[in-house]
């Protein structure tokens, strides 16, 4: 009976312990991979949502800037035309 207990204590129990450790390591590794993938997906989703929110927040300012740019371009064009007319008028007066 003592030899059976000794065999269990020296061979079977350590073998089962090693097997349990390997299984635990595999499960932990798999869980790490799944957790990493889930975190990556969630981060990308949050990043995309943040980008969308920022774009929506900036839209009114972008429209304003485009409208002002068009208005200034129109004013610049009109000013150039008026300068040409003034130069032509000065030329006519000088002649």
PDB file of N, CA and C in Angstrom:
ATOM      1  N   UNK A   1       0.818  -1.184   0.000  1.00  0.00           N
ATOM      2  CA  UNK A   1       0.000   0.000   0.000  1.00  0.00           C
ATOM      3  C   UNK A   1       0.872   1.262   0.000  1.00  0.00           C
ATOM      4  N   UNK A   2       1.924   1.233   0.760  1.00  0.00           N
ATOM      5  CA  UNK A   2       2.828   2.374   0.828  1.00  0.00           C
ATOM      6  C   UNK A   2       3.492   2.615  -0.524  1.00  0.00           C
ATOM      7  N   UNK A   3       3.799   1.525  -1.216  1.00  0.00           N
ATOM      8  CA  UNK A   3       4.426   1.697  -2.536  1.00  0.00           C
ATOM      9  C   UNK A   3       3.448   2.318  -3.530  1.00  0.00           C
ATOM     10  N   UNK A   4       2.185   2.016  -3.439  1.00  0.00           N
ATOM     11  CA  UNK A   4       1.170   2.615  -4.316  1.00  0.00           C
ATOM     12  C   UNK A   4       1.069   4.103  -4.035  1.00  0.00           C
ATOM     13  N   UNK A   5       1.049   4.456  -2.786  1.00  0.00           N
ATOM     14  CA  UNK A   5       0.969   5.872  -2.409  1.00  0.00           C
ATOM     15  C   UNK A   5       2.238   6.593  -2.840  1.00  0.00           C
ATOM     16  N   UNK A   6       3.357   5.975  -2.681  1.00  0.00           N
ATOM     17  CA  UNK A   6       4.630   6.567  -3.093  1.00  0.00           C
ATOM     18  C   UNK A   6       4.658   6.761  -4.605  1.00  0.00           C
ATOM     19  N   UNK A   7       4.168   5.787  -5.355  1.00  0.00           N
ATOM     20  CA  UNK A   7       4.102   5.899  -6.817  1.00  0.00           C
ATOM     21  C   UNK A   7       3.196   7.052  -7.213  1.00  0.00           C
ATOM     22  N   UNK A   8       2.050   7.137  -6.559  1.00  0.00           N
ATOM     23  CA  UNK A   8       1.142   8.251  -6.835  1.00  0.00           C
ATOM     24  C   UNK A   8       1.819   9.574  -6.520  1.00  0.00           C
ATOM     25  N   UNK A   9       2.467   9.640  -5.406  1.00  0.00           N
ATOM     26  CA  UNK A   9       3.105  10.886  -4.985  1.00  0.00           C
ATOM     27  C   UNK A   9       4.266  11.284  -5.860  1.00  0.00           C
ATOM     28  N   UNK A  10       5.001  10.344  -6.391  1.00  0.00           N
ATOM     29  CA  UNK A  10       6.201  10.664  -7.156  1.00  0.00           C
ATOM     30  C   UNK A  10       5.983  10.724  -8.668  1.00  0.00           C
ATOM     31  N   UNK A  11       5.002  10.031  -9.184  1.00  0.00           N
ATOM     32  CA  UNK A  11       4.831   9.961 -10.637  1.00  0.00           C
ATOM     33  C   UNK A  11       3.513  10.540 -11.129  1.00  0.00           C
ATOM     34  N   UNK A  12       2.432  10.049 -10.623  1.00  0.00           N
ATOM     35  CA  UNK A  12       1.127  10.405 -11.170  1.00  0.00           C
ATOM     36  C   UNK A  12       0.746  11.845 -10.844  1.00  0.00           C
ATOM     37  N   UNK A  13       0.877  12.229  -9.595  1.00  0.00           N
ATOM     38  CA  UNK A  13       0.464  13.579  -9.200  1.00  0.00           C
ATOM     39  C   UNK A  13       1.296  14.655  -9.901  1.00  0.00           C
ATOM     40  N   UNK A  14       2.629  14.560  -9.958  1.00  0.00           N
ATOM     41  CA  UNK A  14       3.406  15.571 -10.698  1.00  0.00           C
ATOM     42  C   UNK A  14       3.062  15.596 -12.194  1.00  0.00           C
ATOM     43  N   UNK A  15       2.801  14.432 -12.771  1.00  0.00           N
ATOM     44  CA  UNK A  15       2.437  14.389 -14.191  1.00  0.00           C
ATOM     45  C   UNK A  15       1.111  15.114 -14.411  1.00  0.00           C
ATOM     46  N   UNK A  16       0.155  14.878 -13.554  1.00  0.00           N
ATOM     47  CA  UNK A  16      -1.138  15.567 -13.676  1.00  0.00           C
ATOM     48  C   UNK A  16      -0.961  17.065 -13.445  1.00  0.00           C
ATOM     49  N   UNK A  17      -0.093  17.413 -12.520  1.00  0.00           N
ATOM     50  CA  UNK A  17       0.158  18.825 -12.234  1.00  0.00           C
ATOM     51  C   UNK A  17       0.772  19.517 -13.454  1.00  0.00           C
ATOM     52  N   UNK A  18       1.759  18.875 -14.094  1.00  0.00           N
ATOM     53  CA  UNK A  18       2.372  19.433 -15.306  1.00  0.00           C
ATOM     54  C   UNK A  18       1.339  19.577 -16.414  1.00  0.00           C
ATOM     55  N   UNK A  19       0.496  18.560 -16.568  1.00  0.00           N
ATOM     56  CA  UNK A  19      -0.550  18.604 -17.588  1.00  0.00           C
ATOM     57  C   UNK A  19      -1.520  19.742 -17.294  1.00  0.00           C
ATOM     58  N   UNK A  20      -1.896  19.905 -16.040  1.00  0.00           N
ATOM     59  CA  UNK A  20      -2.811  20.986 -15.656  1.00  0.00           C
ATOM     60  C   UNK A  20      -2.173  22.349 -15.909  1.00  0.00           C
ATOM     61  N   UNK A  21      -0.872  22.483 -15.637  1.00  0.00           N
ATOM     62  CA  UNK A  21      -0.160  23.741 -15.897  1.00  0.00           C
ATOM     63  C   UNK A  21      -0.145  24.068 -17.387  1.00  0.00           C
ATOM     64  N   UNK A  22       0.150  23.057 -18.227  1.00  0.00           N
ATOM     65  CA  UNK A  22       0.161  23.266 -19.682  1.00  0.00           C
ATOM     66  C   UNK A  22      -1.211  23.697 -20.174  1.00  0.00           C
ATOM     67  N   UNK A  23      -2.250  23.015 -19.698  1.00  0.00           N
ATOM     68  CA  UNK A  23      -3.612  23.365 -20.108  1.00  0.00           C
ATOM     69  C   UNK A  23      -3.953  24.781 -19.678  1.00  0.00           C
ATOM     70  N   UNK A  24      -3.550  25.143 -18.445  1.00  0.00           N
ATOM     71  CA  UNK A  24      -3.825  26.487 -17.946  1.00  0.00           C
ATOM     72  C   UNK A  24      -3.089  27.527 -18.775  1.00  0.00           C
ATOM     73  N   UNK A  25      -1.830  27.251 -19.122  1.00  0.00           N
ATOM     74  CA  UNK A  25      -1.067  28.174 -19.951  1.00  0.00           C
ATOM     75  C   UNK A  25      -1.702  28.345 -21.318  1.00  0.00           C
ATOM     76  N   UNK A  26      -2.186  27.257 -21.904  1.00  0.00           N
ATOM     77  CA  UNK A  26      -2.844  27.340 -23.207  1.00  0.00           C
ATOM     78  C   UNK A  26      -4.123  28.165 -23.105  1.00  0.00           C
ATOM     79  N   UNK A  27      -4.898  27.926 -22.054  1.00  0.00           N
ATOM     80  CA  UNK A  27      -6.146  28.677 -21.881  1.00  0.00           C
ATOM     81  C   UNK A  27      -5.872  30.156 -21.645  1.00  0.00           C
ATOM     82  N   UNK A  28      -4.861  30.460 -20.853  1.00  0.00           N
ATOM     83  CA  UNK A  28      -4.505  31.856 -20.592  1.00  0.00           C
ATOM     84  C   UNK A  28      -4.025  32.522 -21.877  1.00  0.00           C
ATOM     85  N   UNK A  29      -3.235  31.809 -22.650  1.00  0.00           N
ATOM     86  CA  UNK A  29      -2.738  32.347 -23.921  1.00  0.00           C
ATOM     87  C   UNK A  29      -3.899  32.626 -24.874  1.00  0.00           C
ATOM     88  N   UNK A  30      -4.809  31.696 -24.981  1.00  0.00           N
ATOM     89  CA  UNK A  30      -5.987  31.877 -25.842  1.00  0.00           C
ATOM     90  C   UNK A  30      -6.831  33.054 -25.357  1.00  0.00           C
ATOM     91  N   UNK A  31      -7.011  33.145 -24.057  1.00  0.00           N
ATOM     92  CA  UNK A  31      -7.789  34.243 -23.489  1.00  0.00           C
ATOM     93  C   UNK A  31      -7.115  35.584 -23.762  1.00  0.00           C
ATOM     94  N   UNK A  32      -5.765  35.622 -23.659  1.00  0.00           N
ATOM     95  CA  UNK A  32      -5.030  36.850 -23.978  1.00  0.00           C
ATOM     96  C   UNK A  32      -5.253  37.271 -25.422  1.00  0.00           C
ATOM     97  N   UNK A  33      -5.196  36.307 -26.328  1.00  0.00           N
ATOM     98  CA  UNK A  33      -5.385  36.617 -27.742  1.00  0.00           C
ATOM     99  C   UNK A  33      -6.791  37.152 -27.994  1.00  0.00           C
ATOM    100  N   UNK A  34      -7.787  36.499 -27.407  1.00  0.00           N
ATOM    101  CA  UNK A  34      -9.163  36.949 -27.591  1.00  0.00           C
ATOM    102  C   UNK A  34      -9.386  38.336 -26.991  1.00  0.00           C
ATOM    103  N   UNK A  35      -8.819  38.548 -25.822  1.00  0.00           N
ATOM    104  CA  UNK A  35      -8.937  39.842 -25.165  1.00  0.00           C
ATOM    105  C   UNK A  35      -8.246  40.930 -25.984  1.00  0.00           C
ATOM    106  N   UNK A  36      -7.056  40.633 -26.495  1.00  0.00           N
ATOM    107  CA  UNK A  36      -6.347  41.597 -27.339  1.00  0.00           C
ATOM    108  C   UNK A  36      -7.132  41.950 -28.585  1.00  0.00           C
ATOM    109  N   UNK A  37      -7.717  40.936 -29.216  1.00  0.00           N
ATOM    110  CA  UNK A  37      -8.521  41.186 -30.422  1.00  0.00           C
ATOM    111  C   UNK A  37      -9.748  42.018 -30.081  1.00  0.00           C
ATOM    112  N   UNK A  38     -10.413  41.687 -28.980  1.00  0.00           N
ATOM    113  CA  UNK A  38     -11.605  42.436 -28.585  1.00  0.00           C
ATOM    114  C   UNK A  38     -11.253  43.880 -28.256  1.00  0.00           C
ATOM    115  N   UNK A  39     -10.150  44.093 -27.557  1.00  0.00           N
ATOM    116  CA  UNK A  39      -9.728  45.457 -27.233  1.00  0.00           C
ATOM    117  C   UNK A  39      -9.368  46.241 -28.488  1.00  0.00           C
ATOM    118  N   UNK A  40      -8.693  45.584 -29.423  1.00  0.00           N
ATOM    119  CA  UNK A  40      -8.321  46.239 -30.678  1.00  0.00           C
ATOM    120  C   UNK A  40      -9.564  46.670 -31.456  1.00  0.00           C
ATOM    121  N   UNK A  41     -10.529  45.774 -31.546  1.00  0.00           N
ATOM    122  CA  UNK A  41     -11.772  46.088 -32.264  1.00  0.00           C
ATOM    123  C   UNK A  41     -12.505  47.240 -31.582  1.00  0.00           C
ATOM    124  N   UNK A  42     -12.596  47.187 -30.269  1.00  0.00           N
ATOM    125  CA  UNK A  42     -13.296  48.241 -29.521  1.00  0.00           C
ATOM    126  C   UNK A  42     -12.566  49.574 -29.654  1.00  0.00           C
ATOM    127  N   UNK A  43     -11.246  49.549 -29.629  1.00  0.00           N
ATOM    128  CA  UNK A  43     -10.478  50.778 -29.793  1.00  0.00           C
ATOM    129  C   UNK A  43     -10.708  51.380 -31.177  1.00  0.00           C
ATOM    130  N   UNK A  44     -10.679  50.542 -32.206  1.00  0.00           N
ATOM    131  CA  UNK A  44     -10.899  51.040 -33.568  1.00  0.00           C
ATOM    132  C   UNK A  44     -12.300  51.618 -33.709  1.00  0.00           C
ATOM    133  N   UNK A  45     -13.283  50.972 -33.094  1.00  0.00           N
ATOM    134  CA  UNK A  45     -14.655  51.474 -33.149  1.00  0.00           C
ATOM    135  C   UNK A  45     -14.751  52.833 -32.446  1.00  0.00           C
ATOM    136  N   UNK A  46     -14.145  52.938 -31.282  1.00  0.00           N
ATOM    137  CA  UNK A  46     -14.171  54.205 -30.544  1.00  0.00           C
ATOM    138  C   UNK A  46     -13.444  55.297 -31.317  1.00  0.00           C
ATOM    139  N   UNK A  47     -12.356  54.929 -31.954  1.00  0.00           N
ATOM    140  CA  UNK A  47     -11.593  55.889 -32.746  1.00  0.00           C
ATOM    141  C   UNK A  47     -12.431  56.394 -33.923  1.00  0.00           C
ATOM    142  N   UNK A  48     -13.113  55.490 -34.576  1.00  0.00           N
ATOM    143  CA  UNK A  48     -13.969  55.869 -35.710  1.00  0.00           C
ATOM    144  C   UNK A  48     -15.109  56.774 -35.247  1.00  0.00           C
ATOM    145  N   UNK A  49     -15.730  56.444 -34.118  1.00  0.00           N
ATOM    146  CA  UNK A  49     -16.813  57.272 -33.597  1.00  0.00           C
ATOM    147  C   UNK A  49     -16.304  58.660 -33.220  1.00  0.00           C
ATOM    148  N   UNK A  50     -15.121  58.719 -32.642  1.00  0.00           N
ATOM    149  CA  UNK A  50     -14.543  60.019 -32.279  1.00  0.00           C
ATOM    150  C   UNK A  50     -14.271  60.848 -33.530  1.00  0.00           C
ATOM    151  N   UNK A  51     -13.742  60.206 -34.535  1.00  0.00           N
ATOM    152  CA  UNK A  51     -13.490  60.913 -35.804  1.00  0.00           C
ATOM    153  C   UNK A  51     -14.769  61.455 -36.406  1.00  0.00           C
ATOM    154  N   UNK A  52     -15.827  60.673 -36.339  1.00  0.00           N
ATOM    155  CA  UNK A  52     -17.120  61.112 -36.869  1.00  0.00           C
ATOM    156  C   UNK A  52     -17.651  62.289 -36.062  1.00  0.00           C
ATOM    157  N   UNK A  53     -17.558  62.201 -34.734  1.00  0.00           N
ATOM    158  CA  UNK A  53     -18.034  63.304 -33.887  1.00  0.00           C
ATOM    159  C   UNK A  53     -17.247  64.583 -34.153  1.00  0.00           C
ATOM    160  N   UNK A  54     -15.942  64.442 -34.326  1.00  0.00           N
ATOM    161  CA  UNK A  54     -15.113  65.623 -34.604  1.00  0.00           C
ATOM    162  C   UNK A  54     -15.499  66.226 -35.956  1.00  0.00           C
ATOM    163  N   UNK A  55     -15.687  65.371 -36.946  1.00  0.00           N
ATOM    164  CA  UNK A  55     -16.067  65.871 -38.271  1.00  0.00           C
ATOM    165  C   UNK A  55     -17.400  66.612 -38.212  1.00  0.00           C
ATOM    166  N   UNK A  56     -18.368  66.077 -37.466  1.00  0.00           N
ATOM    167  CA  UNK A  56     -19.667  66.746 -37.341  1.00  0.00           C
ATOM    168  C   UNK A  56     -19.532  68.069 -36.579  1.00  0.00           C
ATOM    169  N   UNK A  57     -18.646  68.102 -35.595  1.00  0.00           N
ATOM    170  CA  UNK A  57     -18.456  69.327 -34.827  1.00  0.00           C
ATOM    171  C   UNK A  57     -17.777  70.405 -35.669  1.00  0.00           C
ATOM    172  N   UNK A  58     -16.908  70.013 -36.581  1.00  0.00           N
ATOM    173  CA  UNK A  58     -16.137  70.963 -37.381  1.00  0.00           C
ATOM    174  C   UNK A  58     -16.901  71.412 -38.635  1.00  0.00           C
ATOM    175  N   UNK A  59     -17.897  70.644 -39.058  1.00  0.00           N
ATOM    176  CA  UNK A  59     -18.632  70.953 -40.294  1.00  0.00           C
ATOM    177  C   UNK A  59     -19.120  72.398 -40.384  1.00  0.00           C
ATOM    178  N   UNK A  60     -19.776  72.943 -39.360  1.00  0.00           N
ATOM    179  CA  UNK A  60     -20.238  74.335 -39.494  1.00  0.00           C
ATOM    180  C   UNK A  60     -19.087  75.314 -39.733  1.00  0.00           C
ATOM    181  N   UNK A  61     -17.973  75.099 -39.064  1.00  0.00           N
ATOM    182  CA  UNK A  61     -16.825  75.986 -39.251  1.00  0.00           C
ATOM    183  C   UNK A  61     -16.240  75.824 -40.655  1.00  0.00           C
ATOM    184  N   UNK A  62     -16.209  74.609 -41.148  1.00  0.00           N
ATOM    185  CA  UNK A  62     -15.701  74.366 -42.500  1.00  0.00           C
ATOM    186  C   UNK A  62     -16.568  75.062 -43.536  1.00  0.00           C
ATOM    187  N   UNK A  63     -17.885  74.962 -43.353  1.00  0.00           N
ATOM    188  CA  UNK A  63     -18.785  75.653 -44.291  1.00  0.00           C
ATOM    189  C   UNK A  63     -18.575  77.163 -44.232  1.00  0.00           C
ATOM    190  N   UNK A  64     -18.417  77.690 -43.026  1.00  0.00           N
ATOM    191  CA  UNK A  64     -18.179  79.126 -42.863  1.00  0.00           C
ATOM    192  C   UNK A  64     -16.896  79.542 -43.571  1.00  0.00           C
ATOM    193  N   UNK A  65     -15.835  78.778 -43.384  1.00  0.00           N
ATOM    194  CA  UNK A  65     -14.543  79.115 -43.999  1.00  0.00           C
ATOM    195  C   UNK A  65     -14.655  79.072 -45.521  1.00  0.00           C
ATOM    196  N   UNK A  66     -15.347  78.046 -46.040  1.00  0.00           N
ATOM    197  CA  UNK A  66     -15.514  77.968 -47.505  1.00  0.00           C
ATOM    198  C   UNK A  66     -16.316  79.162 -48.034  1.00  0.00           C
ATOM    199  N   UNK A  67     -17.374  79.533 -47.313  1.00  0.00           N
ATOM    200  CA  UNK A  67     -18.199  80.666 -47.745  1.00  0.00           C
ATOM    201  C   UNK A  67     -17.395  81.960 -47.691  1.00  0.00           C
ATOM    202  N   UNK A  68     -16.627  82.147 -46.624  1.00  0.00           N
ATOM    203  CA  UNK A  68     -15.807  83.360 -46.507  1.00  0.00           C
ATOM    204  C   UNK A  68     -14.720  83.404 -47.572  1.00  0.00           C
ATOM    205  N   UNK A  69     -14.126  82.240 -47.858  1.00  0.00           N
ATOM    206  CA  UNK A  69     -13.102  82.190 -48.897  1.00  0.00           C
ATOM    207  C   UNK A  69     -13.702  82.603 -50.251  1.00  0.00           C
ATOM    208  N   UNK A  70     -14.881  82.101 -50.546  1.00  0.00           N
ATOM    209  CA  UNK A  70     -15.555  82.454 -51.804  1.00  0.00           C
ATOM    210  C   UNK A  70     -15.873  83.950 -51.825  1.00  0.00           C
ATOM    211  N   UNK A  71     -16.343  84.468 -50.678  1.00  0.00           N
ATOM    212  CA  UNK A  71     -16.693  85.894 -50.612  1.00  0.00           C
ATOM    213  C   UNK A  71     -15.442  86.757 -50.803  1.00  0.00           C
ATOM    214  N   UNK A  72     -14.331  86.375 -50.171  1.00  0.00           N
ATOM    215  CA  UNK A  72     -13.100  87.143 -50.315  1.00  0.00           C
ATOM    216  C   UNK A  72     -12.541  87.043 -51.732  1.00  0.00           C
ATOM    217  N   UNK A  73     -12.680  85.881 -52.329  1.00  0.00           N
ATOM    218  CA  UNK A  73     -12.208  85.725 -53.715  1.00  0.00           C
ATOM    219  C   UNK A  73     -13.022  86.619 -54.645  1.00  0.00           C
ATOM    220  N   UNK A  74     -14.313  86.645 -54.399  1.00  0.00           N
ATOM    221  CA  UNK A  74     -15.185  87.515 -55.203  1.00  0.00           C
ATOM    222  C   UNK A  74     -14.805  88.984 -54.989  1.00  0.00           C
ATOM    223  N   UNK A  75     -14.556  89.379 -53.746  1.00  0.00           N
ATOM    224  CA  UNK A  75     -14.160  90.761 -53.453  1.00  0.00           C
ATOM    225  C   UNK A  75     -12.809  91.076 -54.099  1.00  0.00           C
ATOM    226  N   UNK A  76     -11.882  90.120 -54.063  1.00  0.00           N
ATOM    227  CA  UNK A  76     -10.566  90.318 -54.678  1.00  0.00           C
ATOM    228  C   UNK A  76     -10.699  90.516 -56.193  1.00  0.00           C
ATOM    229  N   UNK A  77     -11.560  89.716 -56.804  1.00  0.00           N
ATOM    230  CA  UNK A  77     -11.794  89.839 -58.247  1.00  0.00           C
ATOM    231  C   UNK A  77     -12.407  91.198 -58.578  1.00  0.00           C
ATOM    232  N   UNK A  78     -13.392  91.596 -57.781  1.00  0.00           N
ATOM    233  CA  UNK A  78     -14.047  92.904 -57.996  1.00  0.00           C
ATOM    234  C   UNK A  78     -13.042  94.036 -57.790  1.00  0.00           C
ATOM    235  N   UNK A  79     -12.181  93.937 -56.766  1.00  0.00           N
ATOM    236  CA  UNK A  79     -11.174  94.960 -56.507  1.00  0.00           C
ATOM    237  C   UNK A  79     -10.197  95.056 -57.677  1.00  0.00           C
ATOM    238  N   UNK A  80      -9.804  93.919 -58.235  1.00  0.00           N
ATOM    239  CA  UNK A  80      -8.896  93.937 -59.395  1.00  0.00           C
ATOM    240  C   UNK A  80      -9.554  94.633 -60.575  1.00  0.00           C
ATOM    241  N   UNK A  81     -10.827  94.354 -60.787  1.00  0.00           N
ATOM    242  CA  UNK A  81     -11.546  95.002 -61.891  1.00  0.00           C
ATOM    243  C   UNK A  81     -11.637  96.508 -61.653  1.00  0.00           C
ATOM    244  N   UNK A  82     -11.917  96.920 -60.419  1.00  0.00           N
ATOM    245  CA  UNK A  82     -11.994  98.359 -60.107  1.00  0.00           C
ATOM    246  C   UNK A  82     -10.637  99.034 -60.273  1.00  0.00           C
ATOM    247  N   UNK A  83      -9.565  98.344 -59.897  1.00  0.00           N
ATOM    248  CA  UNK A  83      -8.221  98.914 -60.090  1.00  0.00           C
ATOM    249  C   UNK A  83      -7.922  99.117 -61.566  1.00  0.00           C
ATOM    250  N   UNK A  84      -8.312  98.134 -62.366  1.00  0.00           N
ATOM    251  CA  UNK A  84      -8.100  98.271 -63.819  1.00  0.00           C
ATOM    252  C   UNK A  84      -8.906  99.433 -64.366  1.00  0.00           C
ATOM    253  N   UNK A  85     -10.146  99.591 -63.900  1.00  0.00           N
ATOM    254  CA  UNK A  85     -10.971 100.719 -64.357  1.00  0.00           C
ATOM    255  C   UNK A  85     -10.376 102.045 -63.900  1.00  0.00           C
ATOM    256  N   UNK A  86      -9.864 102.098 -62.666  1.00  0.00           N
ATOM    257  CA  UNK A  86      -9.245 103.329 -62.157  1.00  0.00           C
ATOM    258  C   UNK A  86      -7.983 103.651 -62.946  1.00  0.00           C
ATOM    259  N   UNK A  87      -7.195 102.631 -63.266  1.00  0.00           N
ATOM    260  CA  UNK A  87      -5.973 102.858 -64.054  1.00  0.00           C
ATOM    261  C   UNK A  87      -6.335 103.360 -65.447  1.00  0.00           C
ATOM    262  N   UNK A  88      -7.368 102.783 -66.041  1.00  0.00           N
ATOM    263  CA  UNK A  88      -7.807 103.233 -67.369  1.00  0.00           C
ATOM    264  C   UNK A  88      -8.329 104.670 -67.290  1.00  0.00           C
ATOM    265  N   UNK A  89      -9.038 104.985 -66.239  1.00  0.00           N
ATOM    266  CA  UNK A  89      -9.565 106.338 -66.056  1.00  0.00           C
ATOM    267  C   UNK A  89      -8.419 107.343 -65.889  1.00  0.00           C
ATOM    268  N   UNK A  90      -7.408 107.009 -65.076  1.00  0.00           N
ATOM    269  CA  UNK A  90      -6.245 107.875 -64.902  1.00  0.00           C
ATOM    270  C   UNK A  90      -5.506 108.052 -66.228  1.00  0.00           C
ATOM    271  N   UNK A  91      -5.399 106.985 -66.972  1.00  0.00           N
ATOM    272  CA  UNK A  91      -4.735 107.060 -68.283  1.00  0.00           C
ATOM    273  C   UNK A  91      -5.497 108.002 -69.222  1.00  0.00           C
ATOM    274  N   UNK A  92      -6.840 107.897 -69.192  1.00  0.00           N
ATOM    275  CA  UNK A  92      -7.667 108.777 -70.036  1.00  0.00           C
ATOM    276  C   UNK A  92      -7.522 110.225 -69.580  1.00  0.00           C
ATOM    277  N   UNK A  93      -7.440 110.477 -68.286  1.00  0.00           N
ATOM    278  CA  UNK A  93      -7.282 111.838 -67.781  1.00  0.00           C
ATOM    279  C   UNK A  93      -5.934 112.405 -68.138  1.00  0.00           C
ATOM    280  N   UNK A  94      -4.925 111.579 -68.122  1.00  0.00           N
ATOM    281  CA  UNK A  94      -3.570 112.043 -68.416  1.00  0.00           C
ATOM    282  C   UNK A  94      -3.405 112.333 -69.913  1.00  0.00           C
ATOM    283  N   UNK A  95      -4.204 111.727 -70.755  1.00  0.00           N
ATOM    284  CA  UNK A  95      -4.031 111.895 -72.195  1.00  0.00           C
ATOM    285  C   UNK A  95      -4.703 113.103 -72.746  1.00  0.00           C
TER     286      UNK A  95
END
